[in-house]
Amino acid sequence: MSELLDTIDTDLSWSTKPAFTSMQVCQLLNISYRQLHYRIERGYAKPALESTGSGVSHMWSLRNVIDLAVFEANLAHCPMGGHG
């Protein structure tokens, strides 16, 4: 059993590397860009790399996308929830 555990790659740094644009995140989570921007403004979501100017997309890691997906799932089940 310990031999099997030794073969498992425990380096999860790949999950925090920027890989998705904001538009891709919106498509994956079925939310509008405005909804995503609202979540960023309110501190509910934080991209791996924030854009530095107008027209430049934030970049999101897999970990960011998963965190936001969990937030969206909880929001959908909230009594006052739904996308907004």
PDB file of N, CA and C in Angstrom:
ATOM      1  N   MET A   1       0.825  -1.198   0.000  1.00  0.00           N
ATOM      2  CA  MET A   1       0.000   0.000   0.000  1.00  0.00           C
ATOM      3  C   MET A   1       0.868   1.260   0.000  1.00  0.00           C
ATOM      4  N   SER A   2       1.942   1.268   0.795  1.00  0.00           N
ATOM      5  CA  SER A   2       2.789   2.457   0.848  1.00  0.00           C
ATOM      6  C   SER A   2       3.468   2.709  -0.495  1.00  0.00           C
ATOM      7  N   GLU A   3       3.736   1.638  -1.277  1.00  0.00           N
ATOM      8  CA  GLU A   3       4.322   1.818  -2.599  1.00  0.00           C
ATOM      9  C   GLU A   3       3.357   2.557  -3.517  1.00  0.00           C
ATOM     10  N   LEU A   4       2.092   2.232  -3.407  1.00  0.00           N
ATOM     11  CA  LEU A   4       1.078   2.913  -4.198  1.00  0.00           C
ATOM     12  C   LEU A   4       1.000   4.387  -3.814  1.00  0.00           C
ATOM     13  N   LEU A   5       1.011   4.664  -2.532  1.00  0.00           N
ATOM     14  CA  LEU A   5       0.952   6.050  -2.072  1.00  0.00           C
ATOM     15  C   LEU A   5       2.172   6.840  -2.508  1.00  0.00           C
ATOM     16  N   ASP A   6       3.313   6.174  -2.601  1.00  0.00           N
ATOM     17  CA  ASP A   6       4.531   6.855  -3.046  1.00  0.00           C
ATOM     18  C   ASP A   6       4.451   7.289  -4.501  1.00  0.00           C
ATOM     19  N   THR A   7       3.609   6.635  -5.300  1.00  0.00           N
ATOM     20  CA  THR A   7       3.498   6.970  -6.716  1.00  0.00           C
ATOM     21  C   THR A   7       2.521   8.111  -6.980  1.00  0.00           C
ATOM     22  N   ILE A   8       1.746   8.496  -6.000  1.00  0.00           N
ATOM     23  CA  ILE A   8       0.767   9.567  -6.177  1.00  0.00           C
ATOM     24  C   ILE A   8       1.476  10.914  -6.150  1.00  0.00           C
ATOM     25  N   ASP A   9       1.206  11.708  -7.170  1.00  0.00           N
ATOM     26  CA  ASP A   9       1.798  13.039  -7.249  1.00  0.00           C
ATOM     27  C   ASP A   9       1.030  13.970  -6.326  1.00  0.00           C
ATOM     28  N   THR A  10       1.671  14.437  -5.285  1.00  0.00           N
ATOM     29  CA  THR A  10       1.009  15.318  -4.324  1.00  0.00           C
ATOM     30  C   THR A  10       1.245  16.787  -4.638  1.00  0.00           C
ATOM     31  N   ASP A  11       1.947  17.058  -5.716  1.00  0.00           N
ATOM     32  CA  ASP A  11       2.187  18.437  -6.122  1.00  0.00           C
ATOM     33  C   ASP A  11       0.968  18.946  -6.884  1.00  0.00           C
ATOM     34  N   LEU A  12       0.166  19.753  -6.228  1.00  0.00           N
ATOM     35  CA  LEU A  12      -1.053  20.290  -6.846  1.00  0.00           C
ATOM     36  C   LEU A  12      -0.867  21.730  -7.319  1.00  0.00           C
ATOM     37  N   SER A  13       0.377  22.150  -7.503  1.00  0.00           N
ATOM     38  CA  SER A  13       0.621  23.534  -7.925  1.00  0.00           C
ATOM     39  C   SER A  13      -0.025  23.834  -9.278  1.00  0.00           C
ATOM     40  N   TRP A  14      -0.223  22.807 -10.116  1.00  0.00           N
ATOM     41  CA  TRP A  14      -0.869  23.010 -11.413  1.00  0.00           C
ATOM     42  C   TRP A  14      -2.281  23.553 -11.242  1.00  0.00           C
ATOM     43  N   SER A  15      -2.928  23.256 -10.116  1.00  0.00           N
ATOM     44  CA  SER A  15      -4.315  23.686  -9.930  1.00  0.00           C
ATOM     45  C   SER A  15      -4.436  25.169  -9.621  1.00  0.00           C
ATOM     46  N   THR A  16      -3.319  25.821  -9.329  1.00  0.00           N
ATOM     47  CA  THR A  16      -3.362  27.247  -9.015  1.00  0.00           C
ATOM     48  C   THR A  16      -2.765  28.103 -10.129  1.00  0.00           C
ATOM     49  N   LYS A  17      -2.361  27.484 -11.224  1.00  0.00           N
ATOM     50  CA  LYS A  17      -1.798  28.236 -12.339  1.00  0.00           C
ATOM     51  C   LYS A  17      -2.915  28.778 -13.214  1.00  0.00           C
ATOM     52  N   PRO A  18      -2.808  30.039 -13.632  1.00  0.00           N
ATOM     53  CA  PRO A  18      -3.842  30.628 -14.484  1.00  0.00           C
ATOM     54  C   PRO A  18      -4.024  29.839 -15.772  1.00  0.00           C
ATOM     55  N   ALA A  19      -5.265  29.483 -16.068  1.00  0.00           N
ATOM     56  CA  ALA A  19      -5.528  28.674 -17.248  1.00  0.00           C
ATOM     57  C   ALA A  19      -6.798  29.066 -17.991  1.00  0.00           C
ATOM     58  N   PHE A  20      -7.690  29.813 -17.355  1.00  0.00           N
ATOM     59  CA  PHE A  20      -8.987  30.137 -17.947  1.00  0.00           C
ATOM     60  C   PHE A  20      -9.185  31.649 -18.018  1.00  0.00           C
ATOM     61  N   THR A  21      -9.784  32.123 -19.109  1.00  0.00           N
ATOM     62  CA  THR A  21     -10.164  33.527 -19.209  1.00  0.00           C
ATOM     63  C   THR A  21     -11.511  33.723 -18.505  1.00  0.00           C
ATOM     64  N   SER A  22     -11.876  34.953 -18.281  1.00  0.00           N
ATOM     65  CA  SER A  22     -13.167  35.245 -17.658  1.00  0.00           C
ATOM     66  C   SER A  22     -14.320  34.737 -18.506  1.00  0.00           C
ATOM     67  N   MET A  23     -14.220  34.875 -19.820  1.00  0.00           N
ATOM     68  CA  MET A  23     -15.295  34.401 -20.692  1.00  0.00           C
ATOM     69  C   MET A  23     -15.430  32.881 -20.614  1.00  0.00           C
ATOM     70  N   GLN A  24     -14.317  32.180 -20.505  1.00  0.00           N
ATOM     71  CA  GLN A  24     -14.380  30.723 -20.362  1.00  0.00           C
ATOM     72  C   GLN A  24     -15.035  30.340 -19.041  1.00  0.00           C
ATOM     73  N   VAL A  25     -14.712  31.073 -17.979  1.00  0.00           N
ATOM     74  CA  VAL A  25     -15.320  30.812 -16.674  1.00  0.00           C
ATOM     75  C   VAL A  25     -16.828  31.033 -16.752  1.00  0.00           C
ATOM     76  N   CYS A  26     -17.241  32.100 -17.396  1.00  0.00           N
ATOM     77  CA  CYS A  26     -18.676  32.378 -17.559  1.00  0.00           C
ATOM     78  C   CYS A  26     -19.370  31.234 -18.301  1.00  0.00           C
ATOM     79  N   GLN A  27     -18.740  30.745 -19.346  1.00  0.00           N
ATOM     80  CA  GLN A  27     -19.325  29.642 -20.112  1.00  0.00           C
ATOM     81  C   GLN A  27     -19.385  28.366 -19.280  1.00  0.00           C
ATOM     82  N   LEU A  28     -18.324  28.076 -18.547  1.00  0.00           N
ATOM     83  CA  LEU A  28     -18.290  26.869 -17.718  1.00  0.00           C
ATOM     84  C   LEU A  28     -19.358  26.887 -16.635  1.00  0.00           C
ATOM     85  N   LEU A  29     -19.574  28.054 -16.041  1.00  0.00           N
ATOM     86  CA  LEU A  29     -20.499  28.163 -14.910  1.00  0.00           C
ATOM     87  C   LEU A  29     -21.877  28.662 -15.312  1.00  0.00           C
ATOM     88  N   ASN A  30     -22.058  28.951 -16.594  1.00  0.00           N
ATOM     89  CA  ASN A  30     -23.341  29.433 -17.106  1.00  0.00           C
ATOM     90  C   ASN A  30     -23.808  30.696 -16.368  1.00  0.00           C
ATOM     91  N   ILE A  31     -22.875  31.646 -16.249  1.00  0.00           N
ATOM     92  CA  ILE A  31     -23.209  32.947 -15.666  1.00  0.00           C
ATOM     93  C   ILE A  31     -22.776  34.032 -16.652  1.00  0.00           C
ATOM     94  N   SER A  32     -23.344  35.211 -16.502  1.00  0.00           N
ATOM     95  CA  SER A  32     -22.982  36.310 -17.393  1.00  0.00           C
ATOM     96  C   SER A  32     -21.679  36.956 -16.914  1.00  0.00           C
ATOM     97  N   TYR A  33     -21.054  37.696 -17.832  1.00  0.00           N
ATOM     98  CA  TYR A  33     -19.837  38.418 -17.458  1.00  0.00           C
ATOM     99  C   TYR A  33     -20.147  39.420 -16.352  1.00  0.00           C
ATOM    100  N   ARG A  34     -21.310  40.034 -16.421  1.00  0.00           N
ATOM    101  CA  ARG A  34     -21.711  41.007 -15.394  1.00  0.00           C
ATOM    102  C   ARG A  34     -21.815  40.323 -14.023  1.00  0.00           C
ATOM    103  N   GLN A  35     -22.388  39.130 -13.983  1.00  0.00           N
ATOM    104  CA  GLN A  35     -22.481  38.391 -12.718  1.00  0.00           C
ATOM    105  C   GLN A  35     -21.087  38.072 -12.182  1.00  0.00           C
ATOM    106  N   LEU A  36     -20.191  37.658 -13.065  1.00  0.00           N
ATOM    107  CA  LEU A  36     -18.828  37.362 -12.638  1.00  0.00           C
ATOM    108  C   LEU A  36     -18.153  38.615 -12.099  1.00  0.00           C
ATOM    109  N   HIS A  37     -18.298  39.717 -12.804  1.00  0.00           N
ATOM    110  CA  HIS A  37     -17.692  40.975 -12.367  1.00  0.00           C
ATOM    111  C   HIS A  37     -18.252  41.408 -11.009  1.00  0.00           C
ATOM    112  N   TYR A  38     -19.531  41.231 -10.801  1.00  0.00           N
ATOM    113  CA  TYR A  38     -20.159  41.556  -9.516  1.00  0.00           C
ATOM    114  C   TYR A  38     -19.532  40.730  -8.392  1.00  0.00           C
ATOM    115  N   ARG A  39     -19.316  39.444  -8.654  1.00  0.00           N
ATOM    116  CA  ARG A  39     -18.716  38.577  -7.629  1.00  0.00           C
ATOM    117  C   ARG A  39     -17.296  39.018  -7.308  1.00  0.00           C
ATOM    118  N   ILE A  40     -16.565  39.488  -8.321  1.00  0.00           N
ATOM    119  CA  ILE A  40     -15.211  40.001  -8.097  1.00  0.00           C
ATOM    120  C   ILE A  40     -15.270  41.280  -7.274  1.00  0.00           C
ATOM    121  N   GLU A  41     -16.145  42.214  -7.669  1.00  0.00           N
ATOM    122  CA  GLU A  41     -16.277  43.494  -6.962  1.00  0.00           C
ATOM    123  C   GLU A  41     -16.614  43.297  -5.491  1.00  0.00           C
ATOM    124  N   ARG A  42     -17.464  42.326  -5.191  1.00  0.00           N
ATOM    125  CA  ARG A  42     -17.921  42.078  -3.822  1.00  0.00           C
ATOM    126  C   ARG A  42     -16.961  41.186  -3.021  1.00  0.00           C
ATOM    127  N   GLY A  43     -15.946  40.650  -3.692  1.00  0.00           N
ATOM    128  CA  GLY A  43     -14.975  39.811  -3.010  1.00  0.00           C
ATOM    129  C   GLY A  43     -15.377  38.353  -2.888  1.00  0.00           C
ATOM    130  N   TYR A  44     -16.415  37.951  -3.610  1.00  0.00           N
ATOM    131  CA  TYR A  44     -16.855  36.556  -3.580  1.00  0.00           C
ATOM    132  C   TYR A  44     -15.987  35.683  -4.474  1.00  0.00           C
ATOM    133  N   ALA A  45     -15.305  36.298  -5.428  1.00  0.00           N
ATOM    134  CA  ALA A  45     -14.439  35.569  -6.354  1.00  0.00           C
ATOM    135  C   ALA A  45     -13.154  36.361  -6.535  1.00  0.00           C
ATOM    136  N   LYS A  46     -12.058  35.638  -6.687  1.00  0.00           N
ATOM    137  CA  LYS A  46     -10.775  36.281  -6.903  1.00  0.00           C
ATOM    138  C   LYS A  46      -9.999  35.506  -7.964  1.00  0.00           C
ATOM    139  N   PRO A  47      -9.702  36.164  -9.088  1.00  0.00           N
ATOM    140  CA  PRO A  47      -8.948  35.485 -10.134  1.00  0.00           C
ATOM    141  C   PRO A  47      -7.494  35.271  -9.729  1.00  0.00           C
ATOM    142  N   ALA A  48      -6.850  34.321 -10.388  1.00  0.00           N
ATOM    143  CA  ALA A  48      -5.426  34.054 -10.123  1.00  0.00           C
ATOM    144  C   ALA A  48      -4.577  35.250 -10.554  1.00  0.00           C
ATOM    145  N   LEU A  49      -4.935  35.842 -11.694  1.00  0.00           N
ATOM    146  CA  LEU A  49      -4.255  37.043 -12.186  1.00  0.00           C
ATOM    147  C   LEU A  49      -5.306  38.081 -12.518  1.00  0.00           C
ATOM    148  N   GLU A  50      -5.205  39.230 -11.885  1.00  0.00           N
ATOM    149  CA  GLU A  50      -6.161  40.289 -12.172  1.00  0.00           C
ATOM    150  C   GLU A  50      -5.683  41.095 -13.364  1.00  0.00           C
ATOM    151  N   SER A  51      -6.627  41.533 -14.182  1.00  0.00           N
ATOM    152  CA  SER A  51      -6.273  42.322 -15.357  1.00  0.00           C
ATOM    153  C   SER A  51      -5.722  43.675 -14.929  1.00  0.00           C
ATOM    154  N   THR A  52      -4.911  44.250 -15.802  1.00  0.00           N
ATOM    155  CA  THR A  52      -4.283  45.528 -15.477  1.00  0.00           C
ATOM    156  C   THR A  52      -4.886  46.691 -16.241  1.00  0.00           C
ATOM    157  N   GLY A  53      -5.814  46.407 -17.129  1.00  0.00           N
ATOM    158  CA  GLY A  53      -6.409  47.492 -17.886  1.00  0.00           C
ATOM    159  C   GLY A  53      -7.732  47.112 -18.495  1.00  0.00           C
ATOM    160  N   SER A  54      -8.362  48.088 -19.082  1.00  0.00           N
ATOM    161  CA  SER A  54      -9.655  47.873 -19.716  1.00  0.00           C
ATOM    162  C   SER A  54      -9.494  46.950 -20.919  1.00  0.00           C
ATOM    163  N   GLY A  55     -10.407  46.001 -21.051  1.00  0.00           N
ATOM    164  CA  GLY A  55     -10.367  45.086 -22.175  1.00  0.00           C
ATOM    165  C   GLY A  55      -9.439  43.898 -21.990  1.00  0.00           C
ATOM    166  N   VAL A  56      -8.753  43.845 -20.849  1.00  0.00           N
ATOM    167  CA  VAL A  56      -7.850  42.732 -20.567  1.00  0.00           C
ATOM    168  C   VAL A  56      -8.555  41.793 -19.591  1.00  0.00           C
ATOM    169  N   SER A  57      -8.633  40.540 -19.956  1.00  0.00           N
ATOM    170  CA  SER A  57      -9.369  39.566 -19.152  1.00  0.00           C
ATOM    171  C   SER A  57      -8.566  39.115 -17.940  1.00  0.00           C
ATOM    172  N   HIS A  58      -9.278  38.887 -16.854  1.00  0.00           N
ATOM    173  CA  HIS A  58      -8.664  38.218 -15.715  1.00  0.00           C
ATOM    174  C   HIS A  58      -8.317  36.801 -16.144  1.00  0.00           C
ATOM    175  N   MET A  59      -7.391  36.174 -15.444  1.00  0.00           N
ATOM    176  CA  MET A  59      -7.063  34.772 -15.683  1.00  0.00           C
ATOM    177  C   MET A  59      -7.382  33.993 -14.421  1.00  0.00           C
ATOM    178  N   TRP A  60      -7.972  32.824 -14.607  1.00  0.00           N
ATOM    179  CA  TRP A  60      -8.473  32.019 -13.507  1.00  0.00           C
ATOM    180  C   TRP A  60      -7.794  30.662 -13.466  1.00  0.00           C
ATOM    181  N   SER A  61      -7.461  30.210 -12.283  1.00  0.00           N
ATOM    182  CA  SER A  61      -6.903  28.871 -12.114  1.00  0.00           C
ATOM    183  C   SER A  61      -8.051  27.870 -11.938  1.00  0.00           C
ATOM    184  N   LEU A  62      -7.725  26.604 -12.045  1.00  0.00           N
ATOM    185  CA  LEU A  62      -8.728  25.568 -11.805  1.00  0.00           C
ATOM    186  C   LEU A  62      -9.290  25.700 -10.394  1.00  0.00           C
ATOM    187  N   ARG A  63      -8.452  25.986  -9.428  1.00  0.00           N
ATOM    188  CA  ARG A  63      -8.888  26.154  -8.033  1.00  0.00           C
ATOM    189  C   ARG A  63      -9.880  27.313  -7.930  1.00  0.00           C
ATOM    190  N   ASN A  64      -9.610  28.435  -8.626  1.00  0.00           N
ATOM    191  CA  ASN A  64     -10.535  29.567  -8.633  1.00  0.00           C
ATOM    192  C   ASN A  64     -11.892  29.166  -9.198  1.00  0.00           C
ATOM    193  N   VAL A  65     -11.870  28.413 -10.292  1.00  0.00           N
ATOM    194  CA  VAL A  65     -13.103  27.994 -10.956  1.00  0.00           C
ATOM    195  C   VAL A  65     -13.904  27.065 -10.047  1.00  0.00           C
ATOM    196  N   ILE A  66     -13.230  26.136  -9.394  1.00  0.00           N
ATOM    197  CA  ILE A  66     -13.914  25.224  -8.474  1.00  0.00           C
ATOM    198  C   ILE A  66     -14.527  25.998  -7.312  1.00  0.00           C
ATOM    199  N   ASP A  67     -13.767  26.919  -6.735  1.00  0.00           N
ATOM    200  CA  ASP A  67     -14.294  27.733  -5.628  1.00  0.00           C
ATOM    201  C   ASP A  67     -15.534  28.506  -6.067  1.00  0.00           C
ATOM    202  N   LEU A  68     -15.472  29.098  -7.247  1.00  0.00           N
ATOM    203  CA  LEU A  68     -16.609  29.868  -7.751  1.00  0.00           C
ATOM    204  C   LEU A  68     -17.796  28.961  -8.068  1.00  0.00           C
ATOM    205  N   ALA A  69     -17.534  27.764  -8.570  1.00  0.00           N
ATOM    206  CA  ALA A  69     -18.615  26.809  -8.845  1.00  0.00           C
ATOM    207  C   ALA A  69     -19.330  26.412  -7.562  1.00  0.00           C
ATOM    208  N   VAL A  70     -18.579  26.210  -6.491  1.00  0.00           N
ATOM    209  CA  VAL A  70     -19.180  25.887  -5.191  1.00  0.00           C
ATOM    210  C   VAL A  70     -20.014  27.066  -4.704  1.00  0.00           C
ATOM    211  N   PHE A  71     -19.490  28.276  -4.847  1.00  0.00           N
ATOM    212  CA  PHE A  71     -20.238  29.476  -4.456  1.00  0.00           C
ATOM    213  C   PHE A  71     -21.553  29.555  -5.239  1.00  0.00           C
ATOM    214  N   GLU A  72     -21.474  29.342  -6.557  1.00  0.00           N
ATOM    215  CA  GLU A  72     -22.668  29.410  -7.401  1.00  0.00           C
ATOM    216  C   GLU A  72     -23.682  28.340  -7.005  1.00  0.00           C
ATOM    217  N   ALA A  73     -23.215  27.148  -6.706  1.00  0.00           N
ATOM    218  CA  ALA A  73     -24.116  26.064  -6.298  1.00  0.00           C
ATOM    219  C   ALA A  73     -24.812  26.417  -4.984  1.00  0.00           C
ATOM    220  N   ASN A  74     -24.080  26.982  -4.046  1.00  0.00           N
ATOM    221  CA  ASN A  74     -24.687  27.393  -2.775  1.00  0.00           C
ATOM    222  C   ASN A  74     -25.664  28.541  -2.985  1.00  0.00           C
ATOM    223  N   LEU A  75     -25.319  29.462  -3.851  1.00  0.00           N
ATOM    224  CA  LEU A  75     -26.200  30.594  -4.135  1.00  0.00           C
ATOM    225  C   LEU A  75     -27.506  30.110  -4.758  1.00  0.00           C
ATOM    226  N   ALA A  76     -27.424  29.119  -5.615  1.00  0.00           N
ATOM    227  CA  ALA A  76     -28.622  28.593  -6.269  1.00  0.00           C
ATOM    228  C   ALA A  76     -29.573  27.927  -5.284  1.00  0.00           C
ATOM    229  N   HIS A  77     -29.048  27.445  -4.164  1.00  0.00           N
ATOM    230  CA  HIS A  77     -29.873  26.759  -3.169  1.00  0.00           C
ATOM    231  C   HIS A  77     -30.233  27.653  -1.992  1.00  0.00           C
ATOM    232  N   CYS A  78     -29.839  28.899  -2.055  1.00  0.00           N
ATOM    233  CA  CYS A  78     -30.148  29.860  -0.990  1.00  0.00           C
ATOM    234  C   CYS A  78     -31.597  30.329  -1.149  1.00  0.00           C
ATOM    235  N   PRO A  79     -32.318  30.535  -0.039  1.00  0.00           N
ATOM    236  CA  PRO A  79     -33.714  31.005  -0.144  1.00  0.00           C
ATOM    237  C   PRO A  79     -33.849  32.291  -0.966  1.00  0.00           C
ATOM    238  N   MET A  80     -32.880  33.162  -0.898  1.00  0.00           N
ATOM    239  CA  MET A  80     -32.922  34.400  -1.670  1.00  0.00           C
ATOM    240  C   MET A  80     -32.049  34.255  -2.927  1.00  0.00           C
ATOM    241  N   GLY A  81     -31.657  33.025  -3.251  1.00  0.00           N
ATOM    242  CA  GLY A  81     -30.647  32.730  -4.266  1.00  0.00           C
ATOM    243  C   GLY A  81     -31.077  32.933  -5.686  1.00  0.00           C
ATOM    244  N   GLY A  82     -30.462  32.161  -6.525  1.00  0.00           N
ATOM    245  CA  GLY A  82     -30.605  32.340  -7.953  1.00  0.00           C
ATOM    246  C   GLY A  82     -29.452  33.181  -8.436  1.00  0.00           C
ATOM    247  N   HIS A  83     -29.296  33.239  -9.713  1.00  0.00           N
ATOM    248  CA  HIS A  83     -28.222  34.054 -10.263  1.00  0.00           C
ATOM    249  C   HIS A  83     -28.650  35.496 -10.261  1.00  0.00           C
ATOM    250  N   GLY A  84     -27.752  36.360  -9.792  1.00  0.00           N
ATOM    251  CA  GLY A  84     -28.096  37.769  -9.752  1.00  0.00           C
ATOM    252  C   GLY A  84     -26.932  38.654  -9.605  1.00  0.00           C
TER     253      GLY A  84
END
